[in-house]
Amino acid sequence: MSSHHLQSAICNLQSAICNLQSAMEQAMRQLVNPAKALRTLRKGPAILEALLAGVTQEQAMSLSDGGDGWSVLYIVCHMRDVEAIFAQRARDLLDHPSPTFQVTPNEELIARGNYVAQDLRAALASYKAQRAAFIAMLEPLSDGQWLLAGTHPEQGPATLLDVAINSGLHDVDHQEQIIRCLAPIRGA
């Protein structure tokens, strides 16, 4: 094969790869996109509030998902504190090129937040306020801003869209955990 034919084959291959990448990106935008991420983020507080309806402070402190599991109160405090972390990651992406995200161990969040002494309704209100502020930060972003990328030290590359999606998925994980915690008083 001549050098010219080889260069032509390489160019054709590069073009095919670019077309495939473009098609994959378009398919992903149809599956996960900013509008869907925002819609999911808007639902989280309402679902959490419905789950916690009628739950007393005492129940929130005593009901957990197992012997070593977190209480409902700890879960809500954790959701509040991690919401602030997701918002900070979004700010970092908007303010700095290719940031590396900070990771805070859960044990540190629990100690720093003094979860055992927290009020359930105050933690819920704080989570809801932080989520509203996070959504307000995300709503005006351009398509290009949603694709700004940084690095999570344990999970690798992440775009701003990934951060928003992960915030919504984090809600779902802990909402399900709360359902398990509340099963003894809800008859499930």
N, C-alpha and C. Protein backbone atom coordinates (compact mmCIF):
# COMPACT_ATOMS: atom_id res chain seq x y z
N MET A 1 0.85 -1.17 0.00
CA MET A 1 0.00 0.00 0.00
C MET A 1 0.90 1.23 0.00
N SER A 2 0.59 2.16 -0.90
CA SER A 2 1.41 3.36 -1.01
C SER A 2 1.15 4.29 0.16
N SER A 3 2.08 5.20 0.33
CA SER A 3 1.96 6.20 1.40
C SER A 3 0.70 7.04 1.23
N HIS A 4 0.38 7.37 -0.02
CA HIS A 4 -0.82 8.17 -0.29
C HIS A 4 -2.08 7.41 0.11
N HIS A 5 -2.14 6.12 -0.26
CA HIS A 5 -3.31 5.29 0.08
C HIS A 5 -3.43 5.12 1.59
N LEU A 6 -2.29 4.97 2.25
CA LEU A 6 -2.29 4.82 3.70
C LEU A 6 -2.82 6.09 4.37
N GLN A 7 -2.34 7.25 3.91
CA GLN A 7 -2.82 8.52 4.47
C GLN A 7 -4.31 8.68 4.21
N SER A 8 -4.77 8.30 3.06
CA SER A 8 -6.18 8.40 2.72
C SER A 8 -7.01 7.48 3.63
N ALA A 9 -6.52 6.27 3.87
CA ALA A 9 -7.23 5.32 4.73
C ALA A 9 -7.28 5.85 6.16
N ILE A 10 -6.19 6.44 6.62
CA ILE A 10 -6.16 7.02 7.97
C ILE A 10 -7.15 8.17 8.07
N CYS A 11 -7.20 9.03 7.08
CA CYS A 11 -8.15 10.15 7.07
C CYS A 11 -9.59 9.64 7.08
N ASN A 12 -9.87 8.61 6.28
CA ASN A 12 -11.21 8.03 6.26
C ASN A 12 -11.58 7.43 7.62
N LEU A 13 -10.63 6.77 8.25
CA LEU A 13 -10.86 6.18 9.56
C LEU A 13 -11.11 7.28 10.61
N GLN A 14 -10.30 8.33 10.58
CA GLN A 14 -10.49 9.44 11.52
C GLN A 14 -11.85 10.10 11.31
N SER A 15 -12.26 10.24 10.09
CA SER A 15 -13.56 10.83 9.78
C SER A 15 -14.69 9.94 10.31
N ALA A 16 -14.55 8.64 10.13
CA ALA A 16 -15.57 7.69 10.62
C ALA A 16 -15.65 7.73 12.13
N ILE A 17 -14.50 7.82 12.80
CA ILE A 17 -14.48 7.91 14.26
C ILE A 17 -15.16 9.19 14.72
N CYS A 18 -14.88 10.30 14.09
CA CYS A 18 -15.52 11.58 14.43
C CYS A 18 -17.03 11.49 14.24
N ASN A 19 -17.47 10.89 13.12
CA ASN A 19 -18.90 10.74 12.88
C ASN A 19 -19.56 9.86 13.94
N LEU A 20 -18.87 8.79 14.33
CA LEU A 20 -19.39 7.90 15.36
C LEU A 20 -19.47 8.62 16.70
N GLN A 21 -18.44 9.37 17.04
CA GLN A 21 -18.46 10.13 18.29
C GLN A 21 -19.60 11.14 18.30
N SER A 22 -19.80 11.80 17.19
CA SER A 22 -20.88 12.78 17.09
C SER A 22 -22.24 12.11 17.25
N ALA A 23 -22.42 10.97 16.61
CA ALA A 23 -23.68 10.24 16.73
C ALA A 23 -23.91 9.76 18.16
N MET A 24 -22.86 9.31 18.82
CA MET A 24 -22.97 8.86 20.21
C MET A 24 -23.31 10.03 21.13
N GLU A 25 -22.67 11.17 20.92
CA GLU A 25 -22.96 12.36 21.74
C GLU A 25 -24.41 12.80 21.55
N GLN A 26 -24.90 12.77 20.32
CA GLN A 26 -26.28 13.16 20.06
C GLN A 26 -27.25 12.18 20.73
N ALA A 27 -26.96 10.90 20.67
CA ALA A 27 -27.81 9.90 21.32
C ALA A 27 -27.82 10.10 22.83
N MET A 28 -26.66 10.40 23.40
CA MET A 28 -26.58 10.65 24.84
C MET A 28 -27.37 11.89 25.23
N ARG A 29 -27.32 12.94 24.41
CA ARG A 29 -28.08 14.16 24.71
C ARG A 29 -29.57 13.88 24.72
N GLN A 30 -30.00 12.92 23.93
CA GLN A 30 -31.41 12.55 23.94
C GLN A 30 -31.77 11.78 25.21
N LEU A 31 -30.83 10.99 25.72
CA LEU A 31 -31.07 10.19 26.92
C LEU A 31 -30.92 11.02 28.19
N VAL A 32 -29.83 11.72 28.29
CA VAL A 32 -29.55 12.57 29.46
C VAL A 32 -29.20 13.96 28.96
N ASN A 33 -29.97 14.92 29.41
CA ASN A 33 -29.73 16.28 28.96
C ASN A 33 -30.06 17.23 30.10
N PRO A 34 -29.69 18.48 29.97
CA PRO A 34 -29.94 19.44 31.06
C PRO A 34 -31.40 19.54 31.48
N ALA A 35 -32.32 19.51 30.52
CA ALA A 35 -33.74 19.62 30.87
C ALA A 35 -34.18 18.46 31.76
N LYS A 36 -33.74 17.26 31.43
CA LYS A 36 -34.08 16.09 32.24
C LYS A 36 -33.41 16.15 33.61
N ALA A 37 -32.17 16.60 33.64
CA ALA A 37 -31.47 16.72 34.92
C ALA A 37 -32.19 17.73 35.82
N LEU A 38 -32.57 18.87 35.27
CA LEU A 38 -33.27 19.88 36.06
C LEU A 38 -34.63 19.37 36.54
N ARG A 39 -35.33 18.67 35.68
CA ARG A 39 -36.63 18.11 36.07
C ARG A 39 -36.47 17.15 37.25
N THR A 40 -35.46 16.32 37.20
CA THR A 40 -35.19 15.39 38.30
C THR A 40 -34.82 16.14 39.57
N LEU A 41 -33.98 17.15 39.44
CA LEU A 41 -33.57 17.92 40.62
C LEU A 41 -34.76 18.61 41.28
N ARG A 42 -35.71 19.06 40.48
CA ARG A 42 -36.89 19.74 41.03
C ARG A 42 -37.77 18.77 41.83
N LYS A 43 -37.76 17.50 41.47
CA LYS A 43 -38.62 16.52 42.14
C LYS A 43 -38.09 16.07 43.50
N GLY A 44 -36.78 16.10 43.67
CA GLY A 44 -36.18 15.57 44.89
C GLY A 44 -36.75 16.13 46.18
N PRO A 45 -36.82 17.44 46.34
CA PRO A 45 -37.35 17.99 47.60
C PRO A 45 -38.80 17.61 47.87
N ALA A 46 -39.63 17.58 46.85
CA ALA A 46 -41.04 17.23 47.05
C ALA A 46 -41.18 15.77 47.48
N ILE A 47 -40.40 14.89 46.87
CA ILE A 47 -40.44 13.48 47.25
C ILE A 47 -39.95 13.31 48.69
N LEU A 48 -38.86 13.97 49.03
CA LEU A 48 -38.33 13.86 50.39
C LEU A 48 -39.33 14.40 51.40
N GLU A 49 -39.94 15.52 51.11
CA GLU A 49 -40.93 16.09 52.02
C GLU A 49 -42.11 15.13 52.20
N ALA A 50 -42.57 14.49 51.13
CA ALA A 50 -43.67 13.53 51.23
C ALA A 50 -43.26 12.32 52.06
N LEU A 51 -42.04 11.84 51.88
CA LEU A 51 -41.57 10.71 52.67
C LEU A 51 -41.53 11.03 54.16
N LEU A 52 -41.21 12.27 54.48
CA LEU A 52 -41.03 12.66 55.88
C LEU A 52 -42.31 13.17 56.53
N ALA A 53 -43.39 13.24 55.78
CA ALA A 53 -44.66 13.72 56.34
C ALA A 53 -45.05 12.87 57.54
N GLY A 54 -45.30 13.53 58.66
CA GLY A 54 -45.74 12.84 59.87
C GLY A 54 -44.63 12.17 60.67
N VAL A 55 -43.40 12.23 60.20
CA VAL A 55 -42.28 11.62 60.93
C VAL A 55 -41.85 12.60 62.03
N THR A 56 -41.82 12.10 63.26
CA THR A 56 -41.42 12.94 64.40
C THR A 56 -39.90 12.99 64.51
N GLN A 57 -39.42 13.94 65.27
CA GLN A 57 -37.98 14.05 65.53
C GLN A 57 -37.48 12.76 66.18
N GLU A 58 -38.24 12.22 67.11
CA GLU A 58 -37.84 11.00 67.81
C GLU A 58 -37.74 9.82 66.83
N GLN A 59 -38.72 9.70 65.94
CA GLN A 59 -38.68 8.62 64.94
C GLN A 59 -37.49 8.82 64.00
N ALA A 60 -37.25 10.05 63.61
CA ALA A 60 -36.14 10.34 62.70
C ALA A 60 -34.80 9.98 63.34
N MET A 61 -34.72 10.11 64.65
CA MET A 61 -33.48 9.80 65.35
C MET A 61 -33.32 8.30 65.60
N SER A 62 -34.43 7.58 65.73
CA SER A 62 -34.33 6.18 66.16
C SER A 62 -34.47 5.17 65.02
N LEU A 63 -35.18 5.51 63.96
CA LEU A 63 -35.39 4.55 62.88
C LEU A 63 -34.20 4.57 61.92
N SER A 64 -33.64 3.38 61.67
CA SER A 64 -32.50 3.28 60.76
C SER A 64 -32.70 2.10 59.83
N ASP A 65 -31.78 1.95 58.90
CA ASP A 65 -31.89 0.86 57.93
C ASP A 65 -31.06 -0.36 58.35
N GLY A 66 -30.85 -0.52 59.63
CA GLY A 66 -30.12 -1.68 60.14
C GLY A 66 -29.28 -1.31 61.34
N GLY A 67 -28.67 -2.30 61.93
CA GLY A 67 -27.89 -2.10 63.14
C GLY A 67 -26.84 -1.01 63.05
N ASP A 68 -26.07 -1.02 61.98
CA ASP A 68 -25.02 -0.02 61.79
C ASP A 68 -25.44 1.06 60.81
N GLY A 69 -26.70 1.02 60.40
CA GLY A 69 -27.18 1.96 59.38
C GLY A 69 -27.44 3.34 59.94
N TRP A 70 -27.65 4.26 59.03
CA TRP A 70 -27.93 5.63 59.41
C TRP A 70 -29.40 5.78 59.79
N SER A 71 -29.65 6.70 60.72
CA SER A 71 -31.03 7.05 61.04
C SER A 71 -31.58 7.96 59.94
N VAL A 72 -32.89 8.12 59.95
CA VAL A 72 -33.52 9.04 59.00
C VAL A 72 -32.91 10.44 59.15
N LEU A 73 -32.69 10.86 60.38
CA LEU A 73 -32.09 12.18 60.61
C LEU A 73 -30.71 12.28 59.96
N TYR A 74 -29.88 11.27 60.14
CA TYR A 74 -28.54 11.29 59.54
C TYR A 74 -28.64 11.36 58.01
N ILE A 75 -29.58 10.62 57.45
CA ILE A 75 -29.74 10.61 55.99
C ILE A 75 -30.10 12.00 55.48
N VAL A 76 -31.06 12.65 56.14
CA VAL A 76 -31.49 13.98 55.69
C VAL A 76 -30.34 14.99 55.87
N CYS A 77 -29.62 14.91 56.97
CA CYS A 77 -28.46 15.79 57.16
C CYS A 77 -27.40 15.55 56.09
N HIS A 78 -27.17 14.28 55.78
CA HIS A 78 -26.21 13.93 54.73
C HIS A 78 -26.65 14.49 53.39
N MET A 79 -27.93 14.35 53.06
CA MET A 79 -28.44 14.89 51.79
C MET A 79 -28.24 16.40 51.74
N ARG A 80 -28.49 17.07 52.84
CA ARG A 80 -28.28 18.53 52.92
C ARG A 80 -26.81 18.87 52.66
N ASP A 81 -25.92 18.17 53.35
CA ASP A 81 -24.50 18.49 53.25
C ASP A 81 -23.92 18.13 51.88
N VAL A 82 -24.37 17.05 51.30
CA VAL A 82 -23.86 16.66 49.98
C VAL A 82 -24.44 17.56 48.89
N GLU A 83 -25.63 18.09 49.13
CA GLU A 83 -26.19 19.07 48.18
C GLU A 83 -25.24 20.27 48.06
N ALA A 84 -24.70 20.71 49.18
CA ALA A 84 -23.73 21.82 49.16
C ALA A 84 -22.47 21.42 48.39
N ILE A 85 -22.08 20.17 48.51
CA ILE A 85 -20.90 19.69 47.78
C ILE A 85 -21.15 19.68 46.28
N PHE A 86 -22.33 19.20 45.86
CA PHE A 86 -22.65 19.22 44.43
C PHE A 86 -22.66 20.66 43.90
N ALA A 87 -23.24 21.57 44.65
CA ALA A 87 -23.29 22.98 44.22
C ALA A 87 -21.88 23.56 44.13
N GLN A 88 -21.01 23.21 45.06
CA GLN A 88 -19.64 23.70 45.02
C GLN A 88 -18.90 23.16 43.80
N ARG A 89 -19.15 21.92 43.47
CA ARG A 89 -18.52 21.35 42.27
C ARG A 89 -18.98 22.09 41.02
N ALA A 90 -20.26 22.42 40.97
CA ALA A 90 -20.76 23.19 39.82
C ALA A 90 -20.10 24.56 39.76
N ARG A 91 -19.99 25.24 40.90
CA ARG A 91 -19.32 26.55 40.93
C ARG A 91 -17.86 26.41 40.50
N ASP A 92 -17.18 25.36 40.98
CA ASP A 92 -15.79 25.14 40.59
C ASP A 92 -15.67 24.96 39.07
N LEU A 93 -16.59 24.22 38.48
CA LEU A 93 -16.56 24.02 37.03
C LEU A 93 -16.78 25.33 36.28
N LEU A 94 -17.65 26.17 36.80
CA LEU A 94 -17.94 27.45 36.15
C LEU A 94 -16.82 28.46 36.34
N ASP A 95 -16.09 28.35 37.44
CA ASP A 95 -15.09 29.36 37.79
C ASP A 95 -13.65 29.00 37.45
N HIS A 96 -13.37 27.71 37.25
CA HIS A 96 -11.98 27.26 37.06
C HIS A 96 -11.91 26.24 35.92
N PRO A 97 -10.88 26.31 35.12
CA PRO A 97 -10.73 25.30 34.06
C PRO A 97 -10.31 23.94 34.63
N SER A 98 -11.03 22.92 34.29
CA SER A 98 -10.70 21.53 34.65
C SER A 98 -10.36 21.33 36.13
N PRO A 99 -11.25 21.71 37.04
CA PRO A 99 -10.93 21.56 38.46
C PRO A 99 -10.92 20.10 38.90
N THR A 100 -10.21 19.85 39.97
CA THR A 100 -10.29 18.56 40.66
C THR A 100 -11.18 18.77 41.87
N PHE A 101 -12.22 17.95 41.98
CA PHE A 101 -13.20 18.13 43.05
C PHE A 101 -12.64 17.66 44.39
N GLN A 102 -13.07 18.32 45.43
CA GLN A 102 -12.74 17.91 46.80
C GLN A 102 -13.66 16.75 47.19
N VAL A 103 -13.15 15.82 47.94
CA VAL A 103 -13.93 14.70 48.45
C VAL A 103 -13.87 14.76 49.97
N THR A 104 -15.02 14.73 50.61
CA THR A 104 -15.10 14.76 52.06
C THR A 104 -15.71 13.45 52.53
N PRO A 105 -15.00 12.69 53.35
CA PRO A 105 -15.54 11.42 53.85
C PRO A 105 -16.83 11.65 54.65
N ASN A 106 -17.76 10.71 54.55
CA ASN A 106 -19.02 10.82 55.26
C ASN A 106 -18.82 11.01 56.76
N GLU A 107 -17.85 10.32 57.33
CA GLU A 107 -17.61 10.43 58.78
C GLU A 107 -17.26 11.88 59.16
N GLU A 108 -16.52 12.55 58.28
CA GLU A 108 -16.17 13.95 58.52
C GLU A 108 -17.41 14.84 58.43
N LEU A 109 -18.28 14.58 57.47
CA LEU A 109 -19.52 15.35 57.36
C LEU A 109 -20.38 15.17 58.61
N ILE A 110 -20.47 13.93 59.09
CA ILE A 110 -21.27 13.64 60.28
C ILE A 110 -20.73 14.39 61.49
N ALA A 111 -19.42 14.33 61.68
CA ALA A 111 -18.82 15.00 62.84
C ALA A 111 -18.92 16.52 62.72
N ARG A 112 -18.58 17.04 61.57
CA ARG A 112 -18.62 18.49 61.37
C ARG A 112 -20.04 19.02 61.50
N GLY A 113 -21.01 18.26 60.98
CA GLY A 113 -22.40 18.69 61.01
C GLY A 113 -23.13 18.35 62.30
N ASN A 114 -22.45 17.63 63.21
CA ASN A 114 -23.07 17.24 64.48
C ASN A 114 -24.48 16.70 64.26
N TYR A 115 -24.59 15.70 63.38
CA TYR A 115 -25.88 15.18 62.95
C TYR A 115 -26.79 14.80 64.10
N VAL A 116 -26.22 14.22 65.14
CA VAL A 116 -27.04 13.73 66.26
C VAL A 116 -27.83 14.86 66.93
N ALA A 117 -27.35 16.09 66.84
CA ALA A 117 -28.00 17.22 67.50
C ALA A 117 -28.87 18.05 66.56
N GLN A 118 -29.01 17.60 65.32
CA GLN A 118 -29.75 18.39 64.32
C GLN A 118 -31.26 18.19 64.44
N ASP A 119 -31.99 19.19 64.00
CA ASP A 119 -33.45 19.13 63.93
C ASP A 119 -33.86 18.68 62.54
N LEU A 120 -34.71 17.67 62.47
CA LEU A 120 -35.12 17.10 61.19
C LEU A 120 -35.70 18.15 60.26
N ARG A 121 -36.64 18.93 60.75
CA ARG A 121 -37.33 19.92 59.90
C ARG A 121 -36.37 21.03 59.45
N ALA A 122 -35.44 21.42 60.31
CA ALA A 122 -34.46 22.43 59.92
C ALA A 122 -33.51 21.88 58.85
N ALA A 123 -33.11 20.61 58.99
CA ALA A 123 -32.23 20.00 57.99
C ALA A 123 -32.96 19.88 56.65
N LEU A 124 -34.24 19.49 56.69
CA LEU A 124 -35.04 19.40 55.47
C LEU A 124 -35.17 20.76 54.81
N ALA A 125 -35.47 21.80 55.60
CA ALA A 125 -35.62 23.15 55.05
C ALA A 125 -34.31 23.62 54.42
N SER A 126 -33.19 23.33 55.06
CA SER A 126 -31.89 23.73 54.51
C SER A 126 -31.61 23.00 53.20
N TYR A 127 -31.90 21.70 53.16
CA TYR A 127 -31.73 20.93 51.93
C TYR A 127 -32.57 21.55 50.81
N LYS A 128 -33.83 21.84 51.10
CA LYS A 128 -34.73 22.40 50.08
C LYS A 128 -34.22 23.75 49.59
N ALA A 129 -33.73 24.60 50.50
CA ALA A 129 -33.22 25.91 50.10
C ALA A 129 -31.97 25.77 49.24
N GLN A 130 -31.09 24.85 49.62
CA GLN A 130 -29.87 24.63 48.84
C GLN A 130 -30.19 24.09 47.46
N ARG A 131 -31.18 23.19 47.39
CA ARG A 131 -31.56 22.63 46.09
C ARG A 131 -32.13 23.73 45.20
N ALA A 132 -32.97 24.60 45.76
CA ALA A 132 -33.54 25.69 44.97
C ALA A 132 -32.43 26.60 44.44
N ALA A 133 -31.44 26.88 45.26
CA ALA A 133 -30.31 27.71 44.82
C ALA A 133 -29.49 27.00 43.75
N PHE A 134 -29.30 25.70 43.90
CA PHE A 134 -28.55 24.91 42.91
C PHE A 134 -29.27 24.95 41.56
N ILE A 135 -30.58 24.74 41.57
CA ILE A 135 -31.36 24.78 40.34
C ILE A 135 -31.28 26.17 39.72
N ALA A 136 -31.39 27.22 40.54
CA ALA A 136 -31.31 28.59 40.02
C ALA A 136 -29.95 28.85 39.37
N MET A 137 -28.89 28.25 39.90
CA MET A 137 -27.56 28.39 39.30
C MET A 137 -27.50 27.67 37.96
N LEU A 138 -28.15 26.52 37.86
CA LEU A 138 -28.06 25.69 36.65
C LEU A 138 -28.97 26.15 35.52
N GLU A 139 -30.12 26.69 35.85
CA GLU A 139 -31.13 27.01 34.82
C GLU A 139 -30.62 27.89 33.68
N PRO A 140 -29.84 28.94 33.95
CA PRO A 140 -29.44 29.80 32.82
C PRO A 140 -28.21 29.34 32.04
N LEU A 141 -27.67 28.18 32.35
CA LEU A 141 -26.42 27.76 31.71
C LEU A 141 -26.61 27.48 30.22
N SER A 142 -25.56 27.78 29.48
CA SER A 142 -25.54 27.47 28.04
C SER A 142 -25.21 25.99 27.84
N ASP A 143 -25.45 25.50 26.65
CA ASP A 143 -25.11 24.11 26.34
C ASP A 143 -23.63 23.84 26.60
N GLY A 144 -22.79 24.79 26.24
CA GLY A 144 -21.35 24.62 26.45
C GLY A 144 -20.98 24.54 27.92
N GLN A 145 -21.66 25.31 28.75
CA GLN A 145 -21.35 25.28 30.19
C GLN A 145 -21.72 23.93 30.80
N TRP A 146 -22.78 23.33 30.33
CA TRP A 146 -23.17 22.02 30.86
C TRP A 146 -22.10 20.97 30.59
N LEU A 147 -21.26 21.21 29.57
CA LEU A 147 -20.23 20.25 29.19
C LEU A 147 -18.86 20.56 29.80
N LEU A 148 -18.77 21.63 30.62
CA LEU A 148 -17.52 21.90 31.32
C LEU A 148 -17.15 20.69 32.16
N ALA A 149 -15.87 20.34 32.16
CA ALA A 149 -15.47 19.09 32.82
C ALA A 149 -14.38 19.33 33.85
N GLY A 150 -14.47 18.53 34.89
CA GLY A 150 -13.45 18.48 35.93
C GLY A 150 -13.17 17.01 36.22
N THR A 151 -12.49 16.79 37.36
CA THR A 151 -12.12 15.42 37.71
C THR A 151 -12.49 15.13 39.16
N HIS A 152 -13.18 14.03 39.35
CA HIS A 152 -13.43 13.50 40.68
C HIS A 152 -12.27 12.56 40.98
N PRO A 153 -11.57 12.74 42.11
CA PRO A 153 -10.37 11.93 42.38
C PRO A 153 -10.63 10.43 42.40
N GLU A 154 -11.85 10.01 42.72
CA GLU A 154 -12.14 8.58 42.80
C GLU A 154 -12.94 8.07 41.61
N GLN A 155 -13.68 8.95 40.93
CA GLN A 155 -14.58 8.51 39.87
C GLN A 155 -14.15 8.95 38.48
N GLY A 156 -13.17 9.83 38.40
CA GLY A 156 -12.67 10.25 37.11
C GLY A 156 -13.36 11.49 36.56
N PRO A 157 -13.31 11.67 35.23
CA PRO A 157 -13.85 12.88 34.61
C PRO A 157 -15.35 13.03 34.85
N ALA A 158 -15.79 14.29 35.02
CA ALA A 158 -17.21 14.58 35.21
C ALA A 158 -17.53 15.95 34.65
N THR A 159 -18.61 16.03 33.88
CA THR A 159 -19.08 17.32 33.37
C THR A 159 -20.05 17.93 34.38
N LEU A 160 -20.40 19.17 34.13
CA LEU A 160 -21.40 19.82 34.98
C LEU A 160 -22.72 19.07 34.89
N LEU A 161 -23.06 18.56 33.71
CA LEU A 161 -24.26 17.73 33.56
C LEU A 161 -24.16 16.49 34.43
N ASP A 162 -22.99 15.86 34.47
CA ASP A 162 -22.79 14.70 35.33
C ASP A 162 -23.03 15.05 36.80
N VAL A 163 -22.54 16.20 37.22
CA VAL A 163 -22.72 16.64 38.61
C VAL A 163 -24.21 16.77 38.92
N ALA A 164 -24.95 17.40 38.02
CA ALA A 164 -26.39 17.58 38.24
C ALA A 164 -27.11 16.23 38.26
N ILE A 165 -26.77 15.35 37.34
CA ILE A 165 -27.39 14.02 37.30
C ILE A 165 -27.06 13.25 38.57
N ASN A 166 -25.82 13.32 39.00
CA ASN A 166 -25.42 12.60 40.22
C ASN A 166 -26.14 13.14 41.45
N SER A 167 -26.42 14.43 41.47
CA SER A 167 -27.18 14.98 42.59
C SER A 167 -28.58 14.35 42.63
N GLY A 168 -29.22 14.25 41.48
CA GLY A 168 -30.54 13.62 41.42
C GLY A 168 -30.50 12.14 41.78
N LEU A 169 -29.48 11.43 41.32
CA LEU A 169 -29.34 10.02 41.65
C LEU A 169 -29.05 9.83 43.14
N HIS A 170 -28.29 10.74 43.71
CA HIS A 170 -28.01 10.71 45.15
C HIS A 170 -29.31 10.81 45.93
N ASP A 171 -30.21 11.67 45.48
CA ASP A 171 -31.55 11.77 46.10
C ASP A 171 -32.24 10.42 46.09
N VAL A 172 -32.29 9.79 44.92
CA VAL A 172 -33.03 8.54 44.78
C VAL A 172 -32.46 7.47 45.71
N ASP A 173 -31.14 7.37 45.77
CA ASP A 173 -30.51 6.38 46.65
C ASP A 173 -30.97 6.57 48.10
N HIS A 174 -30.96 7.80 48.56
CA HIS A 174 -31.28 8.05 49.96
C HIS A 174 -32.79 8.08 50.22
N GLN A 175 -33.57 8.42 49.23
CA GLN A 175 -35.02 8.31 49.39
C GLN A 175 -35.42 6.85 49.60
N GLU A 176 -34.82 5.97 48.83
CA GLU A 176 -35.08 4.53 49.01
C GLU A 176 -34.61 4.08 50.38
N GLN A 177 -33.49 4.59 50.85
CA GLN A 177 -32.98 4.24 52.17
C GLN A 177 -33.97 4.69 53.26
N ILE A 178 -34.52 5.88 53.10
CA ILE A 178 -35.51 6.38 54.06
C ILE A 178 -36.76 5.51 54.06
N ILE A 179 -37.19 5.06 52.90
CA ILE A 179 -38.35 4.16 52.82
C ILE A 179 -38.09 2.91 53.65
N ARG A 180 -36.89 2.35 53.55
CA ARG A 180 -36.55 1.17 54.35
C ARG A 180 -36.56 1.50 55.84
N CYS A 181 -36.02 2.66 56.20
CA CYS A 181 -36.01 3.08 57.61
C CYS A 181 -37.41 3.21 58.18
N LEU A 182 -38.31 3.74 57.39
CA LEU A 182 -39.66 4.03 57.86
C LEU A 182 -40.61 2.84 57.75
N ALA A 183 -40.16 1.74 57.19
CA ALA A 183 -41.02 0.57 57.01
C ALA A 183 -41.72 0.13 58.32
N PRO A 184 -41.03 0.13 59.45
CA PRO A 184 -41.70 -0.32 60.68
C PRO A 184 -42.91 0.53 61.08
N ILE A 185 -42.93 1.82 60.75
CA ILE A 185 -44.07 2.65 61.13
C ILE A 185 -45.05 2.85 59.99
N ARG A 186 -44.67 2.44 58.81
CA ARG A 186 -45.56 2.61 57.64
C ARG A 186 -46.21 1.29 57.24
N GLY A 187 -45.88 0.23 57.96
CA GLY A 187 -46.50 -1.06 57.69
C GLY A 187 -46.03 -1.72 56.40
N ALA A 188 -44.87 -1.37 55.94
CA ALA A 188 -44.37 -1.96 54.69
C ALA A 188 -43.47 -3.14 54.99
